Each structure stands twice: as structure tokens, then as C-alpha cells.
Amino acid sequence: MFAEIALTPQVFDEHSNTDKDLWLESLYELGRGIFPRIAACPVIISDLYGGGWCDLVKNNLDDIVDHRVKRRVMEIYQQMKNYLSKRPSELSWPDDEEGWVKEINCSHGKEAFSRIMLSDVCFQGYVSDGKPVHSINHANEERSGFWDCIRSDGDVEMDINKQISLLRPICLHADYMALRTTYVAGGDDDETAFVATLIESACNRPSGYHELAFFELHLDGSRIENFDTVTHNIVEKIRECLSKHVELRVYYWPHFTDRELVAGHFSDGKKYQRWGISFNHIARPIDRSGSTRWHIIRQRDLENIMVDTASDRIIRQFSIVV
């Protein structure tokens, strides 16, 4: 599922990648893997130093002399801007790639990256320490393992904690989350435990990251007789898991069968959708084995997910601080 990748700015620096032909091929494979044409982007790109990383990449781009490489880097840069998520700075602004590696390692210690990518020059002198560190040229090498498990869909084990761990990059960066699912009623044998564990993960962020503004829960109201009782049961079950308070907004819709998660940024009272996942199933406490299929939803398709809270189709709605 989603993989968060940290790249040093020198990945896009002409002086840090001496073999220009190999660098160009690797950049092509990097762009093709991150931004597939017929599938959703499976990657979150870390904009380190609270956005300073992106500015330095732009400066490196402007300095590239080889017109072939410059055109390719420009294409990647323009696409990347739609998939960036800021990480707070950990150390002082670095003067070289070694300093960027230290910053990435420090950030990785608080919230792990799925991949760390360096320029080829820096990677050749890097001493392996167990972190998922790669050269830009590994994007062009199938046996390097760089692309392992980075995909837009796949089979997922029916285990709550393992499923939530796959959603951790979204839980870390989203200002709001909206989960649309079916069998949630506050019981021990339905999907309430998954919801509670997901909210707890989204609330549990290191200092420097934005807090979760609110969590929306969109439920099938066609089978519910007493909305107040069911909502109370859900809230109590969620409160058992939470270590922080958060606003929970519950919306009951007419009958549906889909399970989908939409998340994004919240600014000036408006929601901006960034990420989405479609679930065939999500795990319950009673599930002990098996797997299900998950699909990342393309950004352009997110607006089609039924989480419009202004809809007149909503039967009942509640807002509670849990």
C-alpha cells in the first residue's frame, strides 16, 4: 500500500550523479514507478524541513545543464508536488548531502520511512545500518528490492494491527479522515475495533506534526433502529482505545455496501482530498486468518466517494468529542 519515501535533494543534483545516462534511466524508472499511468500513485513523498526540501529540489533542477535530464526531472518535480507531505525539521539546515542523511535518519527514528533514496555518489560511501537506504540507480535495478511491496493494490491479511500499520503514512499526515464502512455498531464482533485502532493511530503523532482535526465515520443506517444507542455504543468502544481527545462525526446513510477511506488536508474550513483506499473487507477481532483485497483510489476519483456531509440523503448525524 502507501509507502512514504524520503529522498535527499541531491538525487536531483547533476554533480552528485556522475553517470548521466544511467541517472537518466533511473529517473525515468523512478517517475514511472511513483506515478503509474493506469493506476493510483502508491507513494507519499516527504517534504522535509517543513517544505524546505521541495524548494531546494527546484534550485537543483534549475542548475541542471544536460537538457535530457532537466526535462525528465522537471516532469517528476511537477508530478511530485501533488504527493508531498511535510515533515517537521529535526536538525539544523544541512550544508551537504551528509547533513540531509542525518536529518532523514533522525526523522526515520521517530516515524519510519518505507524507503530512503540517496544520490549514487553518496550511496557508494554509505555504511549499511539496517535502514531501507537505496541509490537513485536502484530504481532501475529490479533485484535491488527498491520497488518491493510498493503497489497500488494487493492482498492484505485479516489482522487489525497489520492493516492499521499499512495505513500509518495516512494516519501520520492527514488533517482529517473519513471512513465509510458497514458493520459498525459498537460491538465486540463487528468493525468497531478497527475504527477505534485507526483513530488511535491517527491521533498518535510525534511533536511537530499537525494534529488530527476530526474523524468522520459514515455508516449504513438502514439496519439501525435506535441511532442514539448505537452511536453511544460506538463512542464508548472508541474511548477505550484513545489516549487523546478528538472530534468524531458520525453520519448514517441509506443502505450501502462499500468500504472506503478518504483522507486529506483541512484548511479555512474546507476539506481537500488527498488519499483514498477501497477495502473489500476490514478486519474484526474475531478474524483469525485469511486475506482481503485493498485498492488505492486515484486522486481524480476521490470526489466520487460518497462522503459529502452536505448531502440531504444523510438520515442522522452526530458530533462528539471522544
C-alpha atoms as a PDB file:
ATOM      1  CA  MET A   1       0.000   0.000   0.000  1.00  0.00           C
ATOM      2  CA  PHE A   2       1.153   3.560   0.594  1.00  0.00           C
ATOM      3  CA  ALA A   3       4.902   3.897   1.050  1.00  0.00           C
ATOM      4  CA  GLU A   4       6.484   7.085   2.382  1.00  0.00           C
ATOM      5  CA  ILE A   5       9.764   7.874   0.649  1.00  0.00           C
ATOM      6  CA  ALA A   6      12.474  10.306   1.702  1.00  0.00           C
ATOM      7  CA  LEU A   7      14.894  11.490  -0.970  1.00  0.00           C
ATOM      8  CA  THR A   8      17.864  13.741  -0.482  1.00  0.00           C
ATOM      9  CA  PRO A   9      17.742  16.805  -2.786  1.00  0.00           C
ATOM     10  CA  GLN A  10      20.998  15.544  -4.315  1.00  0.00           C
ATOM     11  CA  VAL A  11      19.051  12.736  -6.018  1.00  0.00           C
ATOM     12  CA  PHE A  12      18.147  15.520  -8.451  1.00  0.00           C
ATOM     13  CA  ASP A  13      21.572  17.185  -8.455  1.00  0.00           C
ATOM     14  CA  GLU A  14      23.695  16.847 -11.594  1.00  0.00           C
ATOM     15  CA  HIS A  15      27.015  16.937  -9.733  1.00  0.00           C
ATOM     16  CA  SER A  16      26.020  14.089  -7.394  1.00  0.00           C
ATOM     17  CA  ASN A  17      25.213  11.577 -10.148  1.00  0.00           C
ATOM     18  CA  THR A  18      28.216  11.109 -12.396  1.00  0.00           C
ATOM     19  CA  ASP A  19      26.904   8.587 -14.935  1.00  0.00           C
ATOM     20  CA  LYS A  20      24.403  10.775 -16.784  1.00  0.00           C
ATOM     21  CA  ASP A  21      22.943   8.040 -18.977  1.00  0.00           C
ATOM     22  CA  LEU A  22      22.332   5.728 -16.016  1.00  0.00           C
ATOM     23  CA  TRP A  23      20.980   8.634 -13.978  1.00  0.00           C
ATOM     24  CA  LEU A  24      18.511   9.469 -16.748  1.00  0.00           C
ATOM     25  CA  GLU A  25      17.332   5.852 -16.988  1.00  0.00           C
ATOM     26  CA  SER A  26      16.945   5.671 -13.212  1.00  0.00           C
ATOM     27  CA  LEU A  27      14.975   8.914 -13.111  1.00  0.00           C
ATOM     28  CA  TYR A  28      12.679   7.549 -15.791  1.00  0.00           C
ATOM     29  CA  GLU A  29      12.040   4.376 -13.768  1.00  0.00           C
ATOM     30  CA  LEU A  30      11.573   6.406 -10.584  1.00  0.00           C
ATOM     31  CA  GLY A  31       8.894   8.541 -12.206  1.00  0.00           C
ATOM     32  CA  ARG A  32       7.203   5.552 -13.825  1.00  0.00           C
ATOM     33  CA  GLY A  33       7.083   3.635 -10.530  1.00  0.00           C
ATOM     34  CA  ILE A  34       5.815   6.516  -8.418  1.00  0.00           C
ATOM     35  CA  PHE A  35       3.325   7.839 -10.963  1.00  0.00           C
ATOM     36  CA  PRO A  36       1.947   4.880 -12.946  1.00  0.00           C
ATOM     37  CA  ARG A  37      -0.268   5.891 -15.855  1.00  0.00           C
ATOM     38  CA  ILE A  38      -3.100   3.424 -15.307  1.00  0.00           C
ATOM     39  CA  ALA A  39      -3.042   3.059 -11.514  1.00  0.00           C
ATOM     40  CA  ALA A  40      -3.065   5.193  -8.395  1.00  0.00           C
ATOM     41  CA  CYS A  41       0.133   6.691  -7.006  1.00  0.00           C
ATOM     42  CA  PRO A  42       1.260   4.354  -4.177  1.00  0.00           C
ATOM     43  CA  VAL A  43       3.759   6.810  -2.665  1.00  0.00           C
ATOM     44  CA  ILE A  44       3.868   9.703  -0.221  1.00  0.00           C
ATOM     45  CA  ILE A  45       6.946  11.880  -0.746  1.00  0.00           C
ATOM     46  CA  SER A  46       8.397  13.557   2.333  1.00  0.00           C
ATOM     47  CA  ASP A  47       8.818  17.308   2.039  1.00  0.00           C
ATOM     48  CA  LEU A  48      11.493  17.584   4.709  1.00  0.00           C
ATOM     49  CA  TYR A  49      12.227  20.686   6.796  1.00  0.00           C
ATOM     50  CA  GLY A  50       8.565  21.673   6.674  1.00  0.00           C
ATOM     51  CA  GLY A  51       8.700  22.264   2.917  1.00  0.00           C
ATOM     52  CA  GLY A  52      12.296  23.408   2.509  1.00  0.00           C
ATOM     53  CA  TRP A  53      13.190  20.194   0.697  1.00  0.00           C
ATOM     54  CA  CYS A  54      10.942  20.992  -2.260  1.00  0.00           C
ATOM     55  CA  ASP A  55      12.468  24.459  -2.648  1.00  0.00           C
ATOM     56  CA  LEU A  56      15.986  23.042  -2.785  1.00  0.00           C
ATOM     57  CA  VAL A  57      14.967  20.413  -5.355  1.00  0.00           C
ATOM     58  CA  LYS A  58      13.673  23.256  -7.539  1.00  0.00           C
ATOM     59  CA  ASN A  59      17.039  25.018  -7.208  1.00  0.00           C
ATOM     60  CA  ASN A  60      18.880  21.837  -8.214  1.00  0.00           C
ATOM     61  CA  LEU A  61      16.574  21.496 -11.189  1.00  0.00           C
ATOM     62  CA  ASP A  62      17.366  24.999 -12.388  1.00  0.00           C
ATOM     63  CA  ASP A  63      21.103  24.209 -12.278  1.00  0.00           C
ATOM     64  CA  ILE A  64      20.961  21.046 -14.433  1.00  0.00           C
ATOM     65  CA  VAL A  65      22.835  21.538 -17.710  1.00  0.00           C
ATOM     66  CA  ASP A  66      22.033  18.256 -19.508  1.00  0.00           C
ATOM     67  CA  HIS A  67      18.775  19.114 -21.271  1.00  0.00           C
ATOM     68  CA  ARG A  68      17.626  15.454 -21.366  1.00  0.00           C
ATOM     69  CA  VAL A  69      17.908  15.079 -17.618  1.00  0.00           C
ATOM     70  CA  LYS A  70      16.496  18.534 -16.942  1.00  0.00           C
ATOM     71  CA  ARG A  71      13.332  17.738 -18.881  1.00  0.00           C
ATOM     72  CA  ARG A  72      12.855  14.467 -17.011  1.00  0.00           C
ATOM     73  CA  VAL A  73      13.486  15.994 -13.575  1.00  0.00           C
ATOM     74  CA  MET A  74      11.046  18.791 -14.398  1.00  0.00           C
ATOM     75  CA  GLU A  75       8.353  16.206 -15.189  1.00  0.00           C
ATOM     76  CA  ILE A  76       8.960  14.384 -11.895  1.00  0.00           C
ATOM     77  CA  TYR A  77       9.042  17.653  -9.958  1.00  0.00           C
ATOM     78  CA  GLN A  78       5.702  18.811 -11.345  1.00  0.00           C
ATOM     79  CA  GLN A  79       4.095  15.462 -10.502  1.00  0.00           C
ATOM     80  CA  MET A  80       5.683  15.244  -7.052  1.00  0.00           C
ATOM     81  CA  LYS A  81       4.090  18.472  -5.896  1.00  0.00           C
ATOM     82  CA  ASN A  82       0.709  16.716  -5.771  1.00  0.00           C
ATOM     83  CA  TYR A  83       2.003  13.982  -3.473  1.00  0.00           C
ATOM     84  CA  LEU A  84       4.190  15.836  -0.990  1.00  0.00           C
ATOM     85  CA  SER A  85       3.623  15.733   2.766  1.00  0.00           C
ATOM     86  CA  LYS A  86       5.630  17.968   5.064  1.00  0.00           C
ATOM     87  CA  ARG A  87       7.755  16.599   7.868  1.00  0.00           C
ATOM     88  CA  PRO A  88       8.976  18.909  10.640  1.00  0.00           C
ATOM     89  CA  SER A  89      12.696  19.595  10.843  1.00  0.00           C
ATOM     90  CA  GLU A  90      14.748  17.665  13.375  1.00  0.00           C
ATOM     91  CA  LEU A  91      18.210  19.223  12.958  1.00  0.00           C
ATOM     92  CA  SER A  92      19.686  22.472  11.663  1.00  0.00           C
ATOM     93  CA  TRP A  93      19.596  23.138   7.921  1.00  0.00           C
ATOM     94  CA  PRO A  94      22.203  20.874   6.241  1.00  0.00           C
ATOM     95  CA  ASP A  95      25.082  22.128   4.120  1.00  0.00           C
ATOM     96  CA  ASP A  96      25.566  18.920   2.126  1.00  0.00           C
ATOM     97  CA  GLU A  97      24.045  15.513   1.413  1.00  0.00           C
ATOM     98  CA  GLU A  98      25.601  14.001   4.507  1.00  0.00           C
ATOM     99  CA  GLY A  99      23.646  16.532   6.533  1.00  0.00           C
ATOM    100  CA  TRP A 100      20.445  15.571   4.718  1.00  0.00           C
ATOM    101  CA  VAL A 101      21.114  11.924   5.515  1.00  0.00           C
ATOM    102  CA  LYS A 102      21.451  12.791   9.204  1.00  0.00           C
ATOM    103  CA  GLU A 103      18.154  14.691   9.084  1.00  0.00           C
ATOM    104  CA  ILE A 104      16.416  11.783   7.367  1.00  0.00           C
ATOM    105  CA  ASN A 105      17.831   9.284   9.841  1.00  0.00           C
ATOM    106  CA  CYS A 106      16.644  11.395  12.765  1.00  0.00           C
ATOM    107  CA  SER A 107      13.152  11.721  11.285  1.00  0.00           C
ATOM    108  CA  HIS A 108      13.165   7.999  10.469  1.00  0.00           C
ATOM    109  CA  GLY A 109      13.838   7.255  14.127  1.00  0.00           C
ATOM    110  CA  LYS A 110      10.552   8.902  15.086  1.00  0.00           C
ATOM    111  CA  GLU A 111       8.427   7.700  12.159  1.00  0.00           C
ATOM    112  CA  ALA A 112       9.967   5.149   9.830  1.00  0.00           C
ATOM    113  CA  PHE A 113      10.216   5.722   6.091  1.00  0.00           C
ATOM    114  CA  SER A 114       9.432   2.879   3.718  1.00  0.00           C
ATOM    115  CA  ARG A 115      12.396   3.890   1.561  1.00  0.00           C
ATOM    116  CA  ILE A 116      15.300   6.326   1.760  1.00  0.00           C
ATOM    117  CA  MET A 117      16.953   7.338  -1.509  1.00  0.00           C
ATOM    118  CA  LEU A 118      20.372   8.965  -1.941  1.00  0.00           C
ATOM    119  CA  SER A 119      22.410  10.167  -4.887  1.00  0.00           C
ATOM    120  CA  ASP A 120      24.649   7.459  -6.286  1.00  0.00           C
ATOM    121  CA  VAL A 121      27.817   9.264  -5.136  1.00  0.00           C
ATOM    122  CA  CYS A 122      26.581   9.433  -1.546  1.00  0.00           C
ATOM    123  CA  PHE A 123      25.252   5.881  -1.573  1.00  0.00           C
ATOM    124  CA  GLN A 124      28.602   4.456  -2.652  1.00  0.00           C
ATOM    125  CA  GLY A 125      30.103   5.727   0.597  1.00  0.00           C
ATOM    126  CA  TYR A 126      27.123   4.856   2.803  1.00  0.00           C
ATOM    127  CA  VAL A 127      27.702   2.270   5.518  1.00  0.00           C
ATOM    128  CA  SER A 128      24.700  -0.037   5.787  1.00  0.00           C
ATOM    129  CA  ASP A 129      22.979   0.222   9.150  1.00  0.00           C
ATOM    130  CA  GLY A 130      19.782  -1.701   8.542  1.00  0.00           C
ATOM    131  CA  LYS A 131      17.736   1.237   7.266  1.00  0.00           C
ATOM    132  CA  PRO A 132      15.952   0.925   3.885  1.00  0.00           C
ATOM    133  CA  VAL A 133      18.567   3.030   2.070  1.00  0.00           C
ATOM    134  CA  HIS A 134      18.949   2.938  -1.722  1.00  0.00           C
ATOM    135  CA  SER A 135      20.765   4.710  -4.537  1.00  0.00           C
ATOM    136  CA  ILE A 136      18.745   6.534  -7.191  1.00  0.00           C
ATOM    137  CA  ASN A 137      20.111   3.907  -9.578  1.00  0.00           C
ATOM    138  CA  HIS A 138      18.302   1.166  -7.648  1.00  0.00           C
ATOM    139  CA  ALA A 139      15.077   2.447  -9.203  1.00  0.00           C
ATOM    140  CA  ASN A 140      16.431   0.923 -12.410  1.00  0.00           C
ATOM    141  CA  GLU A 141      17.501  -2.400 -10.847  1.00  0.00           C
ATOM    142  CA  GLU A 142      14.806  -4.999 -10.282  1.00  0.00           C
ATOM    143  CA  ARG A 143      16.962  -7.067  -7.913  1.00  0.00           C
ATOM    144  CA  SER A 144      17.677  -4.080  -5.651  1.00  0.00           C
ATOM    145  CA  GLY A 145      14.334  -4.567  -3.891  1.00  0.00           C
ATOM    146  CA  PHE A 146      13.507  -0.864  -4.048  1.00  0.00           C
ATOM    147  CA  TRP A 147      10.052  -1.474  -5.527  1.00  0.00           C
ATOM    148  CA  ASP A 148       9.176  -4.477  -3.364  1.00  0.00           C
ATOM    149  CA  CYS A 149       5.640  -4.113  -1.899  1.00  0.00           C
ATOM    150  CA  ILE A 150       5.184  -0.629  -3.379  1.00  0.00           C
ATOM    151  CA  ARG A 151       1.975  -1.118  -5.314  1.00  0.00           C
ATOM    152  CA  SER A 152      -1.463   0.369  -5.882  1.00  0.00           C
ATOM    153  CA  ASP A 153      -3.371  -2.736  -4.778  1.00  0.00           C
ATOM    154  CA  GLY A 154      -2.732  -6.037  -3.099  1.00  0.00           C
ATOM    155  CA  ASP A 155      -3.821  -8.752  -0.699  1.00  0.00           C
ATOM    156  CA  VAL A 156      -3.889  -7.761   2.969  1.00  0.00           C
ATOM    157  CA  GLU A 157      -4.058 -10.050   5.989  1.00  0.00           C
ATOM    158  CA  MET A 158      -7.260 -10.022   8.058  1.00  0.00           C
ATOM    159  CA  ASP A 159      -5.479  -8.735  11.145  1.00  0.00           C
ATOM    160  CA  ILE A 160      -6.416  -5.355  12.654  1.00  0.00           C
ATOM    161  CA  ASN A 161      -2.934  -4.271  13.749  1.00  0.00           C
ATOM    162  CA  LYS A 162      -1.304  -5.302  10.476  1.00  0.00           C
ATOM    163  CA  GLN A 163      -3.958  -3.472   8.488  1.00  0.00           C
ATOM    164  CA  ILE A 164      -3.605  -0.305  10.552  1.00  0.00           C
ATOM    165  CA  SER A 165       0.176  -0.405  10.111  1.00  0.00           C
ATOM    166  CA  LEU A 166      -0.339  -0.265   6.332  1.00  0.00           C
ATOM    167  CA  LEU A 167      -2.379   2.910   6.824  1.00  0.00           C
ATOM    168  CA  ARG A 168       0.189   4.551   9.100  1.00  0.00           C
ATOM    169  CA  PRO A 169       1.525   7.048   6.486  1.00  0.00           C
ATOM    170  CA  ILE A 170      -2.001   8.439   6.077  1.00  0.00           C
ATOM    171  CA  CYS A 171      -2.609   8.374   9.830  1.00  0.00           C
ATOM    172  CA  LEU A 172       0.565  10.426  10.259  1.00  0.00           C
ATOM    173  CA  HIS A 173      -0.118  13.139   7.688  1.00  0.00           C
ATOM    174  CA  ALA A 174      -3.894  13.542   7.258  1.00  0.00           C
ATOM    175  CA  ASP A 175      -5.652  16.533   8.840  1.00  0.00           C
ATOM    176  CA  TYR A 176      -8.942  14.670   8.633  1.00  0.00           C
ATOM    177  CA  MET A 177     -10.071  11.143   7.792  1.00  0.00           C
ATOM    178  CA  ALA A 178     -13.435   9.861   6.571  1.00  0.00           C
ATOM    179  CA  LEU A 179     -14.147   6.140   6.792  1.00  0.00           C
ATOM    180  CA  ARG A 180     -17.154   4.690   5.013  1.00  0.00           C
ATOM    181  CA  THR A 181     -17.979   1.187   6.184  1.00  0.00           C
ATOM    182  CA  THR A 182     -20.872  -1.083   7.038  1.00  0.00           C
ATOM    183  CA  TYR A 183     -20.787  -3.284  10.138  1.00  0.00           C
ATOM    184  CA  VAL A 184     -20.028  -0.832  12.954  1.00  0.00           C
ATOM    185  CA  ALA A 185     -22.388  -0.826  15.928  1.00  0.00           C
ATOM    186  CA  GLY A 186     -20.130  -0.710  18.985  1.00  0.00           C
ATOM    187  CA  GLY A 187     -19.933  -4.487  19.380  1.00  0.00           C
ATOM    188  CA  ASP A 188     -17.029  -6.839  20.032  1.00  0.00           C
ATOM    189  CA  ASP A 189     -17.593  -8.847  16.868  1.00  0.00           C
ATOM    190  CA  ASP A 190     -18.040  -6.088  14.252  1.00  0.00           C
ATOM    191  CA  GLU A 191     -15.723  -3.485  12.670  1.00  0.00           C
ATOM    192  CA  THR A 192     -15.734  -1.058  15.618  1.00  0.00           C
ATOM    193  CA  ALA A 193     -12.343  -2.243  16.887  1.00  0.00           C
ATOM    194  CA  PHE A 194     -10.779  -1.461  13.501  1.00  0.00           C
ATOM    195  CA  VAL A 195     -12.270   2.056  13.629  1.00  0.00           C
ATOM    196  CA  ALA A 196     -11.012   2.643  17.173  1.00  0.00           C
ATOM    197  CA  THR A 197      -7.498   1.410  16.359  1.00  0.00           C
ATOM    198  CA  LEU A 198      -7.396   3.559  13.215  1.00  0.00           C
ATOM    199  CA  ILE A 199      -8.401   6.699  15.130  1.00  0.00           C
ATOM    200  CA  GLU A 200      -5.838   5.974  17.844  1.00  0.00           C
ATOM    201  CA  SER A 201      -3.097   5.655  15.219  1.00  0.00           C
ATOM    202  CA  ALA A 202      -4.151   8.936  13.602  1.00  0.00           C
ATOM    203  CA  CYS A 203      -4.113  10.722  16.968  1.00  0.00           C
ATOM    204  CA  ASN A 204      -0.737   9.291  17.970  1.00  0.00           C
ATOM    205  CA  ARG A 205       1.787  11.551  16.207  1.00  0.00           C
ATOM    206  CA  PRO A 206       5.190  12.858  17.283  1.00  0.00           C
ATOM    207  CA  SER A 207       5.530  16.509  18.238  1.00  0.00           C
ATOM    208  CA  GLY A 208       5.773  18.870  15.278  1.00  0.00           C
ATOM    209  CA  TYR A 209       3.126  17.147  13.194  1.00  0.00           C
ATOM    210  CA  HIS A 210      -0.360  18.581  12.745  1.00  0.00           C
ATOM    211  CA  GLU A 211      -2.981  17.058  14.983  1.00  0.00           C
ATOM    212  CA  LEU A 212      -5.955  15.220  13.535  1.00  0.00           C
ATOM    213  CA  ALA A 213      -8.722  17.822  13.251  1.00  0.00           C
ATOM    214  CA  PHE A 214     -11.618  15.346  13.158  1.00  0.00           C
ATOM    215  CA  PHE A 215     -12.605  11.853  12.107  1.00  0.00           C
ATOM    216  CA  GLU A 216     -15.724  11.135  10.056  1.00  0.00           C
ATOM    217  CA  LEU A 217     -17.488   7.799  10.308  1.00  0.00           C
ATOM    218  CA  HIS A 218     -20.011   7.108   7.536  1.00  0.00           C
ATOM    219  CA  LEU A 219     -22.287   4.160   8.349  1.00  0.00           C
ATOM    220  CA  ASP A 220     -25.162   2.163   6.910  1.00  0.00           C
ATOM    221  CA  GLY A 221     -28.237   3.385   8.759  1.00  0.00           C
ATOM    222  CA  SER A 222     -30.741   1.123   7.032  1.00  0.00           C
ATOM    223  CA  ARG A 223     -30.413  -1.647   9.608  1.00  0.00           C
ATOM    224  CA  ILE A 224     -30.394   0.542  12.730  1.00  0.00           C
ATOM    225  CA  GLU A 225     -33.478   1.101  14.906  1.00  0.00           C
ATOM    226  CA  ASN A 226     -32.069   3.364  17.617  1.00  0.00           C
ATOM    227  CA  PHE A 227     -29.370   5.728  16.360  1.00  0.00           C
ATOM    228  CA  ASP A 228     -28.682   7.251  19.774  1.00  0.00           C
ATOM    229  CA  THR A 229     -27.996   3.873  21.377  1.00  0.00           C
ATOM    230  CA  VAL A 230     -25.773   2.633  18.555  1.00  0.00           C
ATOM    231  CA  THR A 231     -23.829   5.910  18.496  1.00  0.00           C
ATOM    232  CA  HIS A 232     -23.345   5.723  22.278  1.00  0.00           C
ATOM    233  CA  ASN A 233     -22.021   2.159  21.992  1.00  0.00           C
ATOM    234  CA  ILE A 234     -19.599   3.146  19.231  1.00  0.00           C
ATOM    235  CA  VAL A 235     -18.301   6.135  21.191  1.00  0.00           C
ATOM    236  CA  GLU A 236     -17.757   4.105  24.348  1.00  0.00           C
ATOM    237  CA  LYS A 237     -15.867   1.419  22.449  1.00  0.00           C
ATOM    238  CA  ILE A 238     -13.649   4.004  20.752  1.00  0.00           C
ATOM    239  CA  ARG A 239     -12.936   5.788  24.026  1.00  0.00           C
ATOM    240  CA  GLU A 240     -11.471   2.574  25.422  1.00  0.00           C
ATOM    241  CA  CYS A 241      -8.648   2.804  22.860  1.00  0.00           C
ATOM    242  CA  LEU A 242      -7.891   6.532  22.736  1.00  0.00           C
ATOM    243  CA  SER A 243      -5.160   8.329  24.651  1.00  0.00           C
ATOM    244  CA  LYS A 244      -6.143  11.753  23.223  1.00  0.00           C
ATOM    245  CA  HIS A 245      -9.414  13.512  22.568  1.00  0.00           C
ATOM    246  CA  VAL A 246     -10.648  14.040  19.024  1.00  0.00           C
ATOM    247  CA  GLU A 247     -13.888  15.127  17.382  1.00  0.00           C
ATOM    248  CA  LEU A 248     -15.841  12.196  15.960  1.00  0.00           C
ATOM    249  CA  ARG A 249     -18.502  12.966  13.369  1.00  0.00           C
ATOM    250  CA  VAL A 250     -20.923  10.103  12.696  1.00  0.00           C
ATOM    251  CA  TYR A 251     -23.163  10.068   9.618  1.00  0.00           C
ATOM    252  CA  TYR A 252     -25.841   7.462   8.924  1.00  0.00           C
ATOM    253  CA  TRP A 253     -26.713   6.878   5.271  1.00  0.00           C
ATOM    254  CA  PRO A 254     -29.272   4.715   3.479  1.00  0.00           C
ATOM    255  CA  HIS A 255     -28.105   1.206   2.648  1.00  0.00           C
ATOM    256  CA  PHE A 256     -24.662   0.762   1.067  1.00  0.00           C
ATOM    257  CA  THR A 257     -22.042  -1.984   0.924  1.00  0.00           C
ATOM    258  CA  ASP A 258     -18.799  -0.161   0.113  1.00  0.00           C
ATOM    259  CA  ARG A 259     -15.836   0.254   2.424  1.00  0.00           C
ATOM    260  CA  GLU A 260     -13.650   3.243   1.621  1.00  0.00           C
ATOM    261  CA  LEU A 261     -11.269   5.608   3.365  1.00  0.00           C
ATOM    262  CA  VAL A 262     -10.766   9.193   2.199  1.00  0.00           C
ATOM    263  CA  ALA A 263      -8.284  11.495   3.907  1.00  0.00           C
ATOM    264  CA  GLY A 264      -6.625  14.798   3.250  1.00  0.00           C
ATOM    265  CA  HIS A 265      -5.907  18.306   4.443  1.00  0.00           C
ATOM    266  CA  PHE A 266      -8.259  20.726   6.190  1.00  0.00           C
ATOM    267  CA  SER A 267      -7.761  24.459   5.816  1.00  0.00           C
ATOM    268  CA  ASP A 268     -10.026  27.504   6.173  1.00  0.00           C
ATOM    269  CA  GLY A 269     -12.979  25.272   6.928  1.00  0.00           C
ATOM    270  CA  LYS A 270     -12.587  23.274   3.709  1.00  0.00           C
ATOM    271  CA  LYS A 271     -11.567  19.661   3.127  1.00  0.00           C
ATOM    272  CA  TYR A 272      -9.010  18.849   0.428  1.00  0.00           C
ATOM    273  CA  GLN A 273      -8.985  15.163  -0.509  1.00  0.00           C
ATOM    274  CA  ARG A 274      -5.523  13.650  -0.914  1.00  0.00           C
ATOM    275  CA  TRP A 275      -5.662   9.905  -0.320  1.00  0.00           C
ATOM    276  CA  GLY A 276      -8.185   7.127  -0.677  1.00  0.00           C
ATOM    277  CA  ILE A 277      -8.351   3.351  -0.275  1.00  0.00           C
ATOM    278  CA  SER A 278     -11.107   0.914  -1.214  1.00  0.00           C
ATOM    279  CA  PHE A 279     -11.394  -2.157   1.008  1.00  0.00           C
ATOM    280  CA  ASN A 280     -13.057  -5.416   0.081  1.00  0.00           C
ATOM    281  CA  HIS A 281     -13.084  -6.116   3.835  1.00  0.00           C
ATOM    282  CA  ILE A 282     -11.524  -4.792   7.017  1.00  0.00           C
ATOM    283  CA  ALA A 283     -10.511  -6.954   9.949  1.00  0.00           C
ATOM    284  CA  ARG A 284     -12.595  -7.688  13.041  1.00  0.00           C
ATOM    285  CA  PRO A 285     -11.412  -9.111  16.394  1.00  0.00           C
ATOM    286  CA  ILE A 286     -12.997 -12.458  15.533  1.00  0.00           C
ATOM    287  CA  ASP A 287     -10.987 -12.822  12.305  1.00  0.00           C
ATOM    288  CA  ARG A 288      -8.118 -15.245  12.745  1.00  0.00           C
ATOM    289  CA  SER A 289      -6.926 -15.974   9.206  1.00  0.00           C
ATOM    290  CA  GLY A 290      -7.395 -15.185   5.553  1.00  0.00           C
ATOM    291  CA  SER A 291      -6.779 -12.098   3.467  1.00  0.00           C
ATOM    292  CA  THR A 292      -8.682  -9.442   1.551  1.00  0.00           C
ATOM    293  CA  ARG A 293      -8.017  -7.087  -1.337  1.00  0.00           C
ATOM    294  CA  TRP A 294      -7.298  -3.359  -0.959  1.00  0.00           C
ATOM    295  CA  HIS A 295      -7.009  -0.782  -3.735  1.00  0.00           C
ATOM    296  CA  ILE A 296      -5.605   2.735  -3.618  1.00  0.00           C
ATOM    297  CA  ILE A 297      -8.037   5.176  -5.226  1.00  0.00           C
ATOM    298  CA  ARG A 298      -6.687   7.622  -7.784  1.00  0.00           C
ATOM    299  CA  GLN A 299      -6.844  11.268  -6.714  1.00  0.00           C
ATOM    300  CA  ARG A 300      -9.109  12.198  -9.609  1.00  0.00           C
ATOM    301  CA  ASP A 301     -11.646   9.585  -8.453  1.00  0.00           C
ATOM    302  CA  LEU A 302     -11.812  10.643  -4.806  1.00  0.00           C
ATOM    303  CA  GLU A 303     -14.617  13.129  -5.383  1.00  0.00           C
ATOM    304  CA  ASN A 304     -16.868  10.234  -6.427  1.00  0.00           C
ATOM    305  CA  ILE A 305     -16.730   8.644  -2.957  1.00  0.00           C
ATOM    306  CA  MET A 306     -19.932   9.270  -1.022  1.00  0.00           C
ATOM    307  CA  VAL A 307     -18.665  11.242   1.976  1.00  0.00           C
ATOM    308  CA  ASP A 308     -20.411  14.539   1.162  1.00  0.00           C
ATOM    309  CA  THR A 309     -21.576  15.712   4.573  1.00  0.00           C
ATOM    310  CA  ALA A 310     -23.893  18.304   2.993  1.00  0.00           C
ATOM    311  CA  SER A 311     -25.937  15.573   1.324  1.00  0.00           C
ATOM    312  CA  ASP A 312     -29.655  15.547   2.035  1.00  0.00           C
ATOM    313  CA  ARG A 313     -29.524  11.732   1.894  1.00  0.00           C
ATOM    314  CA  ILE A 314     -27.961  11.519   5.353  1.00  0.00           C
ATOM    315  CA  ILE A 315     -30.514  10.032   7.787  1.00  0.00           C
ATOM    316  CA  ARG A 316     -28.929  11.140  11.086  1.00  0.00           C
ATOM    317  CA  GLN A 317     -25.674  12.722  12.160  1.00  0.00           C
ATOM    318  CA  PHE A 318     -23.808  13.253  15.413  1.00  0.00           C
ATOM    319  CA  SER A 319     -20.707  15.175  16.519  1.00  0.00           C
ATOM    320  CA  ILE A 320     -18.994  14.028  19.718  1.00  0.00           C
ATOM    321  CA  VAL A 321     -15.630  14.650  21.329  1.00  0.00           C
ATOM    322  CA  VAL A 322     -14.259  11.233  22.261  1.00  0.00           C
END
